[in-house]
């Protein structure tokens, strides 16, 4: 599955964010490379596929609008939030937060994890 370094980064991310349900590393097609989860069951394969599609469409829209590089994508819904952070090598980090999670803390820790993943990949 995942190399220990990648897995350690994802596990650490979940441990630092109260209310986080899952952290996944996906390739540009939404295929899972590494995963970590806790709490209520989450379909991480479906989340990865959806995140890959969301990021591809957002990157295309930003390009058409001339908005430059996309730093992150947030999808806030009634029962949770999905944060998608593109990495340097066309992969992306996805953090799934439950409704009780503090979004600011989640984003801060996800950015730290994304930096660490960029160094590992």
PDB file of N, CA and C in Angstrom:
ATOM      1  N   UNK A   1       0.845  -1.187   0.000  1.00  0.00           N
ATOM      2  CA  UNK A   1       0.000   0.000   0.000  1.00  0.00           C
ATOM      3  C   UNK A   1       0.884   1.242   0.000  1.00  0.00           C
ATOM      4  N   UNK A   2       0.939   2.003   1.075  1.00  0.00           N
ATOM      5  CA  UNK A   2       1.697   3.248   1.112  1.00  0.00           C
ATOM      6  C   UNK A   2       3.046   3.021   1.777  1.00  0.00           C
ATOM      7  N   UNK A   3       4.030   3.817   1.370  1.00  0.00           N
ATOM      8  CA  UNK A   3       5.306   3.758   2.063  1.00  0.00           C
ATOM      9  C   UNK A   3       5.104   4.287   3.481  1.00  0.00           C
ATOM     10  N   UNK A   4       5.944   3.859   4.421  1.00  0.00           N
ATOM     11  CA  UNK A   4       5.763   4.312   5.808  1.00  0.00           C
ATOM     12  C   UNK A   4       5.779   5.828   5.949  1.00  0.00           C
ATOM     13  N   UNK A   5       6.592   6.514   5.171  1.00  0.00           N
ATOM     14  CA  UNK A   5       6.647   7.968   5.270  1.00  0.00           C
ATOM     15  C   UNK A   5       5.299   8.600   4.932  1.00  0.00           C
ATOM     16  N   UNK A   6       4.684   8.179   3.851  1.00  0.00           N
ATOM     17  CA  UNK A   6       3.388   8.728   3.452  1.00  0.00           C
ATOM     18  C   UNK A   6       2.330   8.398   4.494  1.00  0.00           C
ATOM     19  N   UNK A   7       2.329   7.154   4.938  1.00  0.00           N
ATOM     20  CA  UNK A   7       1.348   6.728   5.928  1.00  0.00           C
ATOM     21  C   UNK A   7       1.517   7.494   7.235  1.00  0.00           C
ATOM     22  N   UNK A   8       2.753   7.711   7.635  1.00  0.00           N
ATOM     23  CA  UNK A   8       3.025   8.462   8.863  1.00  0.00           C
ATOM     24  C   UNK A   8       2.494   9.879   8.768  1.00  0.00           C
ATOM     25  N   UNK A   9       2.678  10.513   7.621  1.00  0.00           N
ATOM     26  CA  UNK A   9       2.185  11.884   7.431  1.00  0.00           C
ATOM     27  C   UNK A   9       0.665  11.918   7.550  1.00  0.00           C
ATOM     28  N   UNK A  10      -0.022  10.982   6.909  1.00  0.00           N
ATOM     29  CA  UNK A  10      -1.487  10.967   6.960  1.00  0.00           C
ATOM     30  C   UNK A  10      -2.000  10.657   8.364  1.00  0.00           C
ATOM     31  N   UNK A  11      -1.396   9.673   9.020  1.00  0.00           N
ATOM     32  CA  UNK A  11      -1.812   9.338  10.388  1.00  0.00           C
ATOM     33  C   UNK A  11      -1.600  10.521  11.324  1.00  0.00           C
ATOM     34  N   UNK A  12      -0.477  11.180  11.187  1.00  0.00           N
ATOM     35  CA  UNK A  12      -0.167  12.335  12.028  1.00  0.00           C
ATOM     36  C   UNK A  12      -1.153  13.468  11.790  1.00  0.00           C
ATOM     37  N   UNK A  13      -1.532  13.680  10.542  1.00  0.00           N
ATOM     38  CA  UNK A  13      -2.518  14.712  10.217  1.00  0.00           C
ATOM     39  C   UNK A  13      -3.830  14.435  10.945  1.00  0.00           C
ATOM     40  N   UNK A  14      -4.300  13.216  10.876  1.00  0.00           N
ATOM     41  CA  UNK A  14      -5.557  12.880  11.558  1.00  0.00           C
ATOM     42  C   UNK A  14      -5.447  13.052  13.069  1.00  0.00           C
ATOM     43  N   UNK A  15      -4.305  12.716  13.618  1.00  0.00           N
ATOM     44  CA  UNK A  15      -4.116  12.839  15.062  1.00  0.00           C
ATOM     45  C   UNK A  15      -4.073  14.288  15.528  1.00  0.00           C
ATOM     46  N   UNK A  16      -3.704  15.202  14.660  1.00  0.00           N
ATOM     47  CA  UNK A  16      -3.596  16.617  15.034  1.00  0.00           C
ATOM     48  C   UNK A  16      -4.881  17.405  14.817  1.00  0.00           C
ATOM     49  N   UNK A  17      -5.876  16.809  14.160  1.00  0.00           N
ATOM     50  CA  UNK A  17      -7.107  17.548  13.847  1.00  0.00           C
ATOM     51  C   UNK A  17      -8.309  16.833  14.460  1.00  0.00           C
ATOM     52  N   UNK A  18      -8.831  17.405  15.527  1.00  0.00           N
ATOM     53  CA  UNK A  18     -10.036  16.843  16.141  1.00  0.00           C
ATOM     54  C   UNK A  18     -11.193  16.944  15.150  1.00  0.00           C
ATOM     55  N   UNK A  19     -11.929  15.868  15.000  1.00  0.00           N
ATOM     56  CA  UNK A  19     -13.069  15.860  14.089  1.00  0.00           C
ATOM     57  C   UNK A  19     -12.728  15.458  12.669  1.00  0.00           C
ATOM     58  N   UNK A  20     -11.437  15.174  12.401  1.00  0.00           N
ATOM     59  CA  UNK A  20     -11.051  14.698  11.067  1.00  0.00           C
ATOM     60  C   UNK A  20     -11.489  13.247  10.922  1.00  0.00           C
ATOM     61  N   UNK A  21     -12.039  12.907   9.774  1.00  0.00           N
ATOM     62  CA  UNK A  21     -12.521  11.544   9.522  1.00  0.00           C
ATOM     63  C   UNK A  21     -11.619  10.752   8.594  1.00  0.00           C
ATOM     64  N   UNK A  22     -10.902  11.450   7.726  1.00  0.00           N
ATOM     65  CA  UNK A  22     -10.041  10.740   6.800  1.00  0.00           C
ATOM     66  C   UNK A  22      -9.053  11.667   6.133  1.00  0.00           C
ATOM     67  N   UNK A  23      -7.927  11.086   5.744  1.00  0.00           N
ATOM     68  CA  UNK A  23      -6.915  11.806   4.970  1.00  0.00           C
ATOM     69  C   UNK A  23      -6.466  10.846   3.881  1.00  0.00           C
ATOM     70  N   UNK A  24      -6.452  11.323   2.656  1.00  0.00           N
ATOM     71  CA  UNK A  24      -6.071  10.460   1.546  1.00  0.00           C
ATOM     72  C   UNK A  24      -5.132  11.195   0.609  1.00  0.00           C
ATOM     73  N   UNK A  25      -4.258  10.428   0.004  1.00  0.00           N
ATOM     74  CA  UNK A  25      -3.377  10.919  -1.039  1.00  0.00           C
ATOM     75  C   UNK A  25      -3.837  10.239  -2.313  1.00  0.00           C
ATOM     76  N   UNK A  26      -4.205  11.024  -3.318  1.00  0.00           N
ATOM     77  CA  UNK A  26      -4.708  10.462  -4.572  1.00  0.00           C
ATOM     78  C   UNK A  26      -3.905  10.991  -5.751  1.00  0.00           C
ATOM     79  N   UNK A  27      -3.869  10.200  -6.826  1.00  0.00           N
ATOM     80  CA  UNK A  27      -3.201  10.664  -8.038  1.00  0.00           C
ATOM     81  C   UNK A  27      -4.163  11.522  -8.854  1.00  0.00           C
ATOM     82  N   UNK A  28      -3.719  11.970 -10.010  1.00  0.00           N
ATOM     83  CA  UNK A  28      -4.524  12.896 -10.814  1.00  0.00           C
ATOM     84  C   UNK A  28      -5.822  12.284 -11.325  1.00  0.00           C
ATOM     85  N   UNK A  29      -5.932  10.958 -11.289  1.00  0.00           N
ATOM     86  CA  UNK A  29      -7.162  10.293 -11.709  1.00  0.00           C
ATOM     87  C   UNK A  29      -8.074   9.951 -10.538  1.00  0.00           C
ATOM     88  N   UNK A  30      -7.675  10.333  -9.333  1.00  0.00           N
ATOM     89  CA  UNK A  30      -8.482  10.051  -8.155  1.00  0.00           C
ATOM     90  C   UNK A  30      -8.253   8.677  -7.556  1.00  0.00           C
ATOM     91  N   UNK A  31      -7.188   7.993  -7.982  1.00  0.00           N
ATOM     92  CA  UNK A  31      -6.863   6.674  -7.448  1.00  0.00           C
ATOM     93  C   UNK A  31      -6.062   6.840  -6.154  1.00  0.00           C
ATOM     94  N   UNK A  32      -6.481   6.132  -5.115  1.00  0.00           N
ATOM     95  CA  UNK A  32      -5.819   6.246  -3.822  1.00  0.00           C
ATOM     96  C   UNK A  32      -4.401   5.690  -3.841  1.00  0.00           C
ATOM     97  N   UNK A  33      -3.493   6.464  -3.266  1.00  0.00           N
ATOM     98  CA  UNK A  33      -2.102   6.051  -3.093  1.00  0.00           C
ATOM     99  C   UNK A  33      -1.870   5.661  -1.637  1.00  0.00           C
ATOM    100  N   UNK A  34      -2.452   6.440  -0.737  1.00  0.00           N
ATOM    101  CA  UNK A  34      -2.343   6.174   0.704  1.00  0.00           C
ATOM    102  C   UNK A  34      -3.599   6.697   1.372  1.00  0.00           C
ATOM    103  N   UNK A  35      -3.929   6.098   2.528  1.00  0.00           N
ATOM    104  CA  UNK A  35      -5.155   6.492   3.222  1.00  0.00           C
ATOM    105  C   UNK A  35      -5.009   6.315   4.722  1.00  0.00           C
ATOM    106  N   UNK A  36      -5.776   7.110   5.440  1.00  0.00           N
ATOM    107  CA  UNK A  36      -5.897   6.962   6.890  1.00  0.00           C
ATOM    108  C   UNK A  36      -7.301   7.412   7.252  1.00  0.00           C
ATOM    109  N   UNK A  37      -7.924   6.722   8.199  1.00  0.00           N
ATOM    110  CA  UNK A  37      -9.275   7.121   8.602  1.00  0.00           C
ATOM    111  C   UNK A  37      -9.479   6.838  10.074  1.00  0.00           C
ATOM    112  N   UNK A  38     -10.481   7.491  10.634  1.00  0.00           N
ATOM    113  CA  UNK A  38     -10.891   7.234  12.013  1.00  0.00           C
ATOM    114  C   UNK A  38     -12.331   7.690  12.176  1.00  0.00           C
ATOM    115  N   UNK A  39     -12.947   7.180  13.203  1.00  0.00           N
ATOM    116  CA  UNK A  39     -14.336   7.554  13.457  1.00  0.00           C
ATOM    117  C   UNK A  39     -15.287   6.787  12.568  1.00  0.00           C
ATOM    118  N   UNK A  40     -16.441   7.392  12.263  1.00  0.00           N
ATOM    119  CA  UNK A  40     -17.449   6.729  11.429  1.00  0.00           C
ATOM    120  C   UNK A  40     -16.862   6.322  10.074  1.00  0.00           C
ATOM    121  N   UNK A  41     -17.327   5.192   9.571  1.00  0.00           N
ATOM    122  CA  UNK A  41     -16.830   4.681   8.294  1.00  0.00           C
ATOM    123  C   UNK A  41     -17.032   5.698   7.175  1.00  0.00           C
ATOM    124  N   UNK A  42     -15.989   5.865   6.383  1.00  0.00           N
ATOM    125  CA  UNK A  42     -16.015   6.772   5.237  1.00  0.00           C
ATOM    126  C   UNK A  42     -15.537   5.985   4.023  1.00  0.00           C
ATOM    127  N   UNK A  43     -16.228   6.110   2.901  1.00  0.00           N
ATOM    128  CA  UNK A  43     -15.814   5.448   1.664  1.00  0.00           C
ATOM    129  C   UNK A  43     -14.690   6.278   1.044  1.00  0.00           C
ATOM    130  N   UNK A  44     -13.456   5.952   1.409  1.00  0.00           N
ATOM    131  CA  UNK A  44     -12.315   6.738   0.948  1.00  0.00           C
ATOM    132  C   UNK A  44     -12.067   6.586  -0.545  1.00  0.00           C
ATOM    133  N   UNK A  45     -12.417   5.435  -1.124  1.00  0.00           N
ATOM    134  CA  UNK A  45     -12.269   5.275  -2.575  1.00  0.00           C
ATOM    135  C   UNK A  45     -13.176   6.260  -3.311  1.00  0.00           C
ATOM    136  N   UNK A  46     -14.423   6.361  -2.870  1.00  0.00           N
ATOM    137  CA  UNK A  46     -15.361   7.303  -3.495  1.00  0.00           C
ATOM    138  C   UNK A  46     -14.925   8.739  -3.250  1.00  0.00           C
ATOM    139  N   UNK A  47     -14.445   9.017  -2.042  1.00  0.00           N
ATOM    140  CA  UNK A  47     -13.978  10.372  -1.736  1.00  0.00           C
ATOM    141  C   UNK A  47     -12.796  10.741  -2.623  1.00  0.00           C
ATOM    142  N   UNK A  48     -11.885   9.800  -2.835  1.00  0.00           N
ATOM    143  CA  UNK A  48     -10.728  10.058  -3.690  1.00  0.00           C
ATOM    144  C   UNK A  48     -11.121  10.318  -5.129  1.00  0.00           C
ATOM    145  N   UNK A  49     -12.043   9.515  -5.639  1.00  0.00           N
ATOM    146  CA  UNK A  49     -12.514   9.717  -7.015  1.00  0.00           C
ATOM    147  C   UNK A  49     -13.205  11.066  -7.152  1.00  0.00           C
ATOM    148  N   UNK A  50     -14.049  11.404  -6.192  1.00  0.00           N
ATOM    149  CA  UNK A  50     -14.738  12.695  -6.230  1.00  0.00           C
ATOM    150  C   UNK A  50     -13.782  13.858  -6.103  1.00  0.00           C
ATOM    151  N   UNK A  51     -12.785  13.715  -5.241  1.00  0.00           N
ATOM    152  CA  UNK A  51     -11.806  14.783  -5.058  1.00  0.00           C
ATOM    153  C   UNK A  51     -10.980  14.987  -6.320  1.00  0.00           C
ATOM    154  N   UNK A  52     -10.610  13.885  -6.974  1.00  0.00           N
ATOM    155  CA  UNK A  52      -9.855  14.002  -8.224  1.00  0.00           C
ATOM    156  C   UNK A  52     -10.641  14.749  -9.284  1.00  0.00           C
ATOM    157  N   UNK A  53     -11.919  14.417  -9.416  1.00  0.00           N
ATOM    158  CA  UNK A  53     -12.785  15.103 -10.378  1.00  0.00           C
ATOM    159  C   UNK A  53     -12.956  16.573 -10.009  1.00  0.00           C
ATOM    160  N   UNK A  54     -13.211  16.846  -8.740  1.00  0.00           N
ATOM    161  CA  UNK A  54     -13.381  18.222  -8.279  1.00  0.00           C
ATOM    162  C   UNK A  54     -12.137  19.053  -8.570  1.00  0.00           C
ATOM    163  N   UNK A  55     -10.974  18.496  -8.300  1.00  0.00           N
ATOM    164  CA  UNK A  55      -9.736  19.230  -8.535  1.00  0.00           C
ATOM    165  C   UNK A  55      -9.497  19.454 -10.025  1.00  0.00           C
ATOM    166  N   UNK A  56      -9.712  18.429 -10.848  1.00  0.00           N
ATOM    167  CA  UNK A  56      -9.516  18.596 -12.302  1.00  0.00           C
ATOM    168  C   UNK A  56     -10.397  19.703 -12.854  1.00  0.00           C
ATOM    169  N   UNK A  57     -11.665  19.711 -12.468  1.00  0.00           N
ATOM    170  CA  UNK A  57     -12.594  20.734 -12.963  1.00  0.00           C
ATOM    171  C   UNK A  57     -12.225  22.122 -12.446  1.00  0.00           C
ATOM    172  N   UNK A  58     -11.785  22.192 -11.196  1.00  0.00           N
ATOM    173  CA  UNK A  58     -11.381  23.478 -10.627  1.00  0.00           C
ATOM    174  C   UNK A  58     -10.133  24.009 -11.321  1.00  0.00           C
ATOM    175  N   UNK A  59      -9.167  23.140 -11.583  1.00  0.00           N
ATOM    176  CA  UNK A  59      -7.959  23.560 -12.297  1.00  0.00           C
ATOM    177  C   UNK A  59      -8.300  24.065 -13.694  1.00  0.00           C
ATOM    178  N   UNK A  60      -9.213  23.369 -14.372  1.00  0.00           N
ATOM    179  CA  UNK A  60      -9.627  23.803 -15.709  1.00  0.00           C
ATOM    180  C   UNK A  60     -10.321  25.155 -15.648  1.00  0.00           C
ATOM    181  N   UNK A  61     -11.220  25.334 -14.690  1.00  0.00           N
ATOM    182  CA  UNK A  61     -11.930  26.610 -14.557  1.00  0.00           C
ATOM    183  C   UNK A  61     -10.961  27.740 -14.246  1.00  0.00           C
ATOM    184  N   UNK A  62     -10.021  27.500 -13.342  1.00  0.00           N
ATOM    185  CA  UNK A  62      -9.040  28.534 -13.000  1.00  0.00           C
ATOM    186  C   UNK A  62      -8.208  28.904 -14.223  1.00  0.00           C
ATOM    187  N   UNK A  63      -7.870  27.904 -15.027  1.00  0.00           N
ATOM    188  CA  UNK A  63      -7.113  28.168 -16.249  1.00  0.00           C
ATOM    189  C   UNK A  63      -7.893  28.993 -17.245  1.00  0.00           C
ATOM    190  N   UNK A  64      -9.163  28.647 -17.457  1.00  0.00           N
ATOM    191  CA  UNK A  64     -10.005  29.389 -18.399  1.00  0.00           C
ATOM    192  C   UNK A  64     -10.226  30.827 -17.947  1.00  0.00           C
ATOM    193  N   UNK A  65     -10.293  31.024 -16.654  1.00  0.00           N
ATOM    194  CA  UNK A  65     -10.518  32.364 -16.111  1.00  0.00           C
ATOM    195  C   UNK A  65      -9.233  33.164 -15.960  1.00  0.00           C
ATOM    196  N   UNK A  66      -8.102  32.512 -16.164  1.00  0.00           N
ATOM    197  CA  UNK A  66      -6.828  33.191 -16.008  1.00  0.00           C
ATOM    198  C   UNK A  66      -6.485  33.491 -14.556  1.00  0.00           C
ATOM    199  N   UNK A  67      -6.948  32.643 -13.641  1.00  0.00           N
ATOM    200  CA  UNK A  67      -6.740  32.885 -12.211  1.00  0.00           C
ATOM    201  C   UNK A  67      -5.437  32.310 -11.675  1.00  0.00           C
ATOM    202  N   UNK A  68      -4.676  31.619 -12.488  1.00  0.00           N
ATOM    203  CA  UNK A  68      -3.388  31.097 -12.045  1.00  0.00           C
ATOM    204  C   UNK A  68      -3.489  29.783 -11.294  1.00  0.00           C
ATOM    205  N   UNK A  69      -2.514  29.552 -10.450  1.00  0.00           N
ATOM    206  CA  UNK A  69      -2.370  28.301  -9.719  1.00  0.00           C
ATOM    207  C   UNK A  69      -3.432  28.154  -8.634  1.00  0.00           C
ATOM    208  N   UNK A  70      -3.968  26.955  -8.512  1.00  0.00           N
ATOM    209  CA  UNK A  70      -4.954  26.655  -7.470  1.00  0.00           C
ATOM    210  C   UNK A  70      -4.205  26.165  -6.235  1.00  0.00           C
ATOM    211  N   UNK A  71      -4.447  26.827  -5.101  1.00  0.00           N
ATOM    212  CA  UNK A  71      -3.789  26.454  -3.858  1.00  0.00           C
ATOM    213  C   UNK A  71      -4.536  25.383  -3.090  1.00  0.00           C
ATOM    214  N   UNK A  72      -5.854  25.452  -3.103  1.00  0.00           N
ATOM    215  CA  UNK A  72      -6.683  24.453  -2.432  1.00  0.00           C
ATOM    216  C   UNK A  72      -8.124  24.614  -2.873  1.00  0.00           C
ATOM    217  N   UNK A  73      -8.882  23.550  -2.688  1.00  0.00           N
ATOM    218  CA  UNK A  73     -10.302  23.550  -3.016  1.00  0.00           C
ATOM    219  C   UNK A  73     -11.050  23.086  -1.771  1.00  0.00           C
ATOM    220  N   UNK A  74     -12.101  23.802  -1.412  1.00  0.00           N
ATOM    221  CA  UNK A  74     -12.925  23.432  -0.262  1.00  0.00           C
ATOM    222  C   UNK A  74     -14.337  23.131  -0.714  1.00  0.00           C
ATOM    223  N   UNK A  75     -14.867  22.034  -0.217  1.00  0.00           N
ATOM    224  CA  UNK A  75     -16.258  21.688  -0.450  1.00  0.00           C
ATOM    225  C   UNK A  75     -16.900  21.565   0.927  1.00  0.00           C
ATOM    226  N   UNK A  76     -17.697  22.557   1.287  1.00  0.00           N
ATOM    227  CA  UNK A  76     -18.380  22.543   2.577  1.00  0.00           C
ATOM    228  C   UNK A  76     -19.810  22.081   2.359  1.00  0.00           C
ATOM    229  N   UNK A  77     -20.194  21.048   3.083  1.00  0.00           N
ATOM    230  CA  UNK A  77     -21.537  20.492   2.982  1.00  0.00           C
ATOM    231  C   UNK A  77     -22.149  20.408   4.380  1.00  0.00           C
ATOM    232  N   UNK A  78     -23.391  20.019   4.420  1.00  0.00           N
ATOM    233  CA  UNK A  78     -24.134  19.966   5.678  1.00  0.00           C
ATOM    234  C   UNK A  78     -23.471  19.078   6.733  1.00  0.00           C
ATOM    235  N   UNK A  79     -22.929  17.939   6.304  1.00  0.00           N
ATOM    236  CA  UNK A  79     -22.380  16.990   7.270  1.00  0.00           C
ATOM    237  C   UNK A  79     -20.866  16.839   7.199  1.00  0.00           C
ATOM    238  N   UNK A  80     -20.199  17.797   6.593  1.00  0.00           N
ATOM    239  CA  UNK A  80     -18.744  17.727   6.578  1.00  0.00           C
ATOM    240  C   UNK A  80     -18.117  18.602   5.519  1.00  0.00           C
ATOM    241  N   UNK A  81     -16.807  18.647   5.556  1.00  0.00           N
ATOM    242  CA  UNK A  81     -16.023  19.463   4.636  1.00  0.00           C
ATOM    243  C   UNK A  81     -14.931  18.604   4.021  1.00  0.00           C
ATOM    244  N   UNK A  82     -14.676  18.834   2.743  1.00  0.00           N
ATOM    245  CA  UNK A  82     -13.582  18.183   2.034  1.00  0.00           C
ATOM    246  C   UNK A  82     -12.611  19.270   1.604  1.00  0.00           C
ATOM    247  N   UNK A  83     -11.362  19.147   2.029  1.00  0.00           N
ATOM    248  CA  UNK A  83     -10.304  20.059   1.594  1.00  0.00           C
ATOM    249  C   UNK A  83      -9.380  19.283   0.667  1.00  0.00           C
ATOM    250  N   UNK A  84      -9.098  19.850  -0.500  1.00  0.00           N
ATOM    251  CA  UNK A  84      -8.235  19.210  -1.490  1.00  0.00           C
ATOM    252  C   UNK A  84      -7.075  20.157  -1.764  1.00  0.00           C
ATOM    253  N   UNK A  85      -5.860  19.668  -1.560  1.00  0.00           N
ATOM    254  CA  UNK A  85      -4.665  20.487  -1.763  1.00  0.00           C
ATOM    255  C   UNK A  85      -3.793  19.818  -2.818  1.00  0.00           C
ATOM    256  N   UNK A  86      -3.617  20.483  -3.970  1.00  0.00           N
ATOM    257  CA  UNK A  86      -2.757  19.907  -5.008  1.00  0.00           C
ATOM    258  C   UNK A  86      -1.302  19.873  -4.541  1.00  0.00           C
ATOM    259  N   UNK A  87      -0.604  18.826  -4.935  1.00  0.00           N
ATOM    260  CA  UNK A  87       0.817  18.696  -4.633  1.00  0.00           C
ATOM    261  C   UNK A  87       1.618  18.915  -5.909  1.00  0.00           C
ATOM    262  N   UNK A  88       2.919  18.994  -5.779  1.00  0.00           N
ATOM    263  CA  UNK A  88       3.789  19.323  -6.909  1.00  0.00           C
ATOM    264  C   UNK A  88       3.767  18.301  -8.034  1.00  0.00           C
ATOM    265  N   UNK A  89       3.540  17.032  -7.722  1.00  0.00           N
ATOM    266  CA  UNK A  89       3.676  15.983  -8.727  1.00  0.00           C
ATOM    267  C   UNK A  89       2.344  15.496  -9.305  1.00  0.00           C
ATOM    268  N   UNK A  90       1.346  16.319  -9.323  1.00  0.00           N
ATOM    269  CA  UNK A  90      -0.013  16.049  -9.821  1.00  0.00           C
ATOM    270  C   UNK A  90      -0.847  15.175  -8.889  1.00  0.00           C
ATOM    271  N   UNK A  91      -0.325  14.815  -7.741  1.00  0.00           N
ATOM    272  CA  UNK A  91      -1.145  14.155  -6.723  1.00  0.00           C
ATOM    273  C   UNK A  91      -1.834  15.234  -5.899  1.00  0.00           C
ATOM    274  N   UNK A  92      -2.748  14.817  -5.036  1.00  0.00           N
ATOM    275  CA  UNK A  92      -3.348  15.784  -4.121  1.00  0.00           C
ATOM    276  C   UNK A  92      -3.637  15.129  -2.786  1.00  0.00           C
ATOM    277  N   UNK A  93      -3.625  15.957  -1.762  1.00  0.00           N
ATOM    278  CA  UNK A  93      -3.970  15.552  -0.408  1.00  0.00           C
ATOM    279  C   UNK A  93      -5.410  15.955  -0.164  1.00  0.00           C
ATOM    280  N   UNK A  94      -6.193  15.038   0.366  1.00  0.00           N
ATOM    281  CA  UNK A  94      -7.592  15.322   0.688  1.00  0.00           C
ATOM    282  C   UNK A  94      -7.807  15.073   2.170  1.00  0.00           C
ATOM    283  N   UNK A  95      -8.428  16.031   2.826  1.00  0.00           N
ATOM    284  CA  UNK A  95      -8.763  15.902   4.239  1.00  0.00           C
ATOM    285  C   UNK A  95     -10.270  15.974   4.369  1.00  0.00           C
ATOM    286  N   UNK A  96     -10.849  14.947   4.975  1.00  0.00           N
ATOM    287  CA  UNK A  96     -12.293  14.907   5.201  1.00  0.00           C
ATOM    288  C   UNK A  96     -12.554  15.258   6.656  1.00  0.00           C
ATOM    289  N   UNK A  97     -13.328  16.310   6.870  1.00  0.00           N
ATOM    290  CA  UNK A  97     -13.627  16.797   8.212  1.00  0.00           C
ATOM    291  C   UNK A  97     -15.091  16.580   8.534  1.00  0.00           C
ATOM    292  N   UNK A  98     -15.364  16.162   9.746  1.00  0.00           N
ATOM    293  CA  UNK A  98     -16.738  16.047  10.208  1.00  0.00           C
ATOM    294  C   UNK A  98     -17.291  17.421  10.545  1.00  0.00           C
ATOM    295  N   UNK A  99     -18.583  17.509  10.813  1.00  0.00           N
ATOM    296  CA  UNK A  99     -19.218  18.806  11.066  1.00  0.00           C
ATOM    297  C   UNK A  99     -18.734  19.487  12.344  1.00  0.00           C
ATOM    298  N   UNK A 100     -18.144  18.726  13.261  1.00  0.00           N
ATOM    299  CA  UNK A 100     -17.665  19.308  14.515  1.00  0.00           C
ATOM    300  C   UNK A 100     -16.204  19.743  14.458  1.00  0.00           C
ATOM    301  N   UNK A 101     -15.517  19.504  13.358  1.00  0.00           N
ATOM    302  CA  UNK A 101     -14.109  19.867  13.225  1.00  0.00           C
ATOM    303  C   UNK A 101     -13.957  21.381  13.061  1.00  0.00           C
ATOM    304  N   UNK A 102     -12.822  21.891  13.518  1.00  0.00           N
ATOM    305  CA  UNK A 102     -12.498  23.306  13.339  1.00  0.00           C
ATOM    306  C   UNK A 102     -11.793  23.440  11.989  1.00  0.00           C
ATOM    307  N   UNK A 103     -12.447  24.107  11.048  1.00  0.00           N
ATOM    308  CA  UNK A 103     -11.939  24.197   9.682  1.00  0.00           C
ATOM    309  C   UNK A 103     -10.552  24.830   9.626  1.00  0.00           C
ATOM    310  N   UNK A 104     -10.352  25.923  10.337  1.00  0.00           N
ATOM    311  CA  UNK A 104      -9.054  26.603  10.306  1.00  0.00           C
ATOM    312  C   UNK A 104      -7.919  25.698  10.746  1.00  0.00           C
ATOM    313  N   UNK A 105      -8.139  24.956  11.813  1.00  0.00           N
ATOM    314  CA  UNK A 105      -7.117  24.024  12.297  1.00  0.00           C
ATOM    315  C   UNK A 105      -6.872  22.923  11.268  1.00  0.00           C
ATOM    316  N   UNK A 106      -7.952  22.418  10.678  1.00  0.00           N
ATOM    317  CA  UNK A 106      -7.812  21.387   9.663  1.00  0.00           C
ATOM    318  C   UNK A 106      -7.003  21.857   8.467  1.00  0.00           C
ATOM    319  N   UNK A 107      -7.285  23.067   8.000  1.00  0.00           N
ATOM    320  CA  UNK A 107      -6.551  23.601   6.852  1.00  0.00           C
ATOM    321  C   UNK A 107      -5.085  23.842   7.187  1.00  0.00           C
ATOM    322  N   UNK A 108      -4.832  24.388   8.366  1.00  0.00           N
ATOM    323  CA  UNK A 108      -3.450  24.630   8.790  1.00  0.00           C
ATOM    324  C   UNK A 108      -2.654  23.327   8.795  1.00  0.00           C
ATOM    325  N   UNK A 109      -3.209  22.306   9.418  1.00  0.00           N
ATOM    326  CA  UNK A 109      -2.508  21.025   9.510  1.00  0.00           C
ATOM    327  C   UNK A 109      -2.414  20.336   8.148  1.00  0.00           C
ATOM    328  N   UNK A 110      -3.433  20.491   7.309  1.00  0.00           N
ATOM    329  CA  UNK A 110      -3.391  19.903   5.968  1.00  0.00           C
ATOM    330  C   UNK A 110      -2.297  20.557   5.127  1.00  0.00           C
ATOM    331  N   UNK A 111      -2.125  21.855   5.266  1.00  0.00           N
ATOM    332  CA  UNK A 111      -1.053  22.542   4.530  1.00  0.00           C
ATOM    333  C   UNK A 111       0.315  22.057   4.999  1.00  0.00           C
ATOM    334  N   UNK A 112       0.462  21.862   6.296  1.00  0.00           N
ATOM    335  CA  UNK A 112       1.726  21.323   6.825  1.00  0.00           C
ATOM    336  C   UNK A 112       1.978  19.924   6.269  1.00  0.00           C
ATOM    337  N   UNK A 113       0.940  19.103   6.249  1.00  0.00           N
ATOM    338  CA  UNK A 113       1.074  17.743   5.729  1.00  0.00           C
ATOM    339  C   UNK A 113       1.387  17.764   4.233  1.00  0.00           C
ATOM    340  N   UNK A 114       0.758  18.673   3.492  1.00  0.00           N
ATOM    341  CA  UNK A 114       1.019  18.779   2.053  1.00  0.00           C
ATOM    342  C   UNK A 114       2.483  19.128   1.798  1.00  0.00           C
ATOM    343  N   UNK A 115       3.028  20.018   2.608  1.00  0.00           N
ATOM    344  CA  UNK A 115       4.443  20.373   2.474  1.00  0.00           C
ATOM    345  C   UNK A 115       5.321  19.139   2.709  1.00  0.00           C
ATOM    346  N   UNK A 116       5.012  18.376   3.753  1.00  0.00           N
ATOM    347  CA  UNK A 116       5.781  17.166   4.055  1.00  0.00           C
ATOM    348  C   UNK A 116       5.657  16.141   2.929  1.00  0.00           C
ATOM    349  N   UNK A 117       4.463  15.990   2.378  1.00  0.00           N
ATOM    350  CA  UNK A 117       4.265  15.045   1.275  1.00  0.00           C
ATOM    351  C   UNK A 117       5.028  15.485   0.035  1.00  0.00           C
ATOM    352  N   UNK A 118       5.035  16.784  -0.236  1.00  0.00           N
ATOM    353  CA  UNK A 118       5.797  17.288  -1.383  1.00  0.00           C
ATOM    354  C   UNK A 118       7.280  16.934  -1.249  1.00  0.00           C
ATOM    355  N   UNK A 119       7.784  16.920  -0.027  1.00  0.00           N
ATOM    356  CA  UNK A 119       9.188  16.569   0.200  1.00  0.00           C
ATOM    357  C   UNK A 119       9.427  15.066   0.012  1.00  0.00           C
ATOM    358  N   UNK A 120       8.396  14.256   0.276  1.00  0.00           N
ATOM    359  CA  UNK A 120       8.533  12.792   0.215  1.00  0.00           C
ATOM    360  C   UNK A 120       8.318  12.217  -1.175  1.00  0.00           C
ATOM    361  N   UNK A 121       7.537  12.899  -1.992  1.00  0.00           N
ATOM    362  CA  UNK A 121       7.169  12.341  -3.303  1.00  0.00           C
ATOM    363  C   UNK A 121       8.161  12.714  -4.385  1.00  0.00           C
TER     364      UNK A 121
END
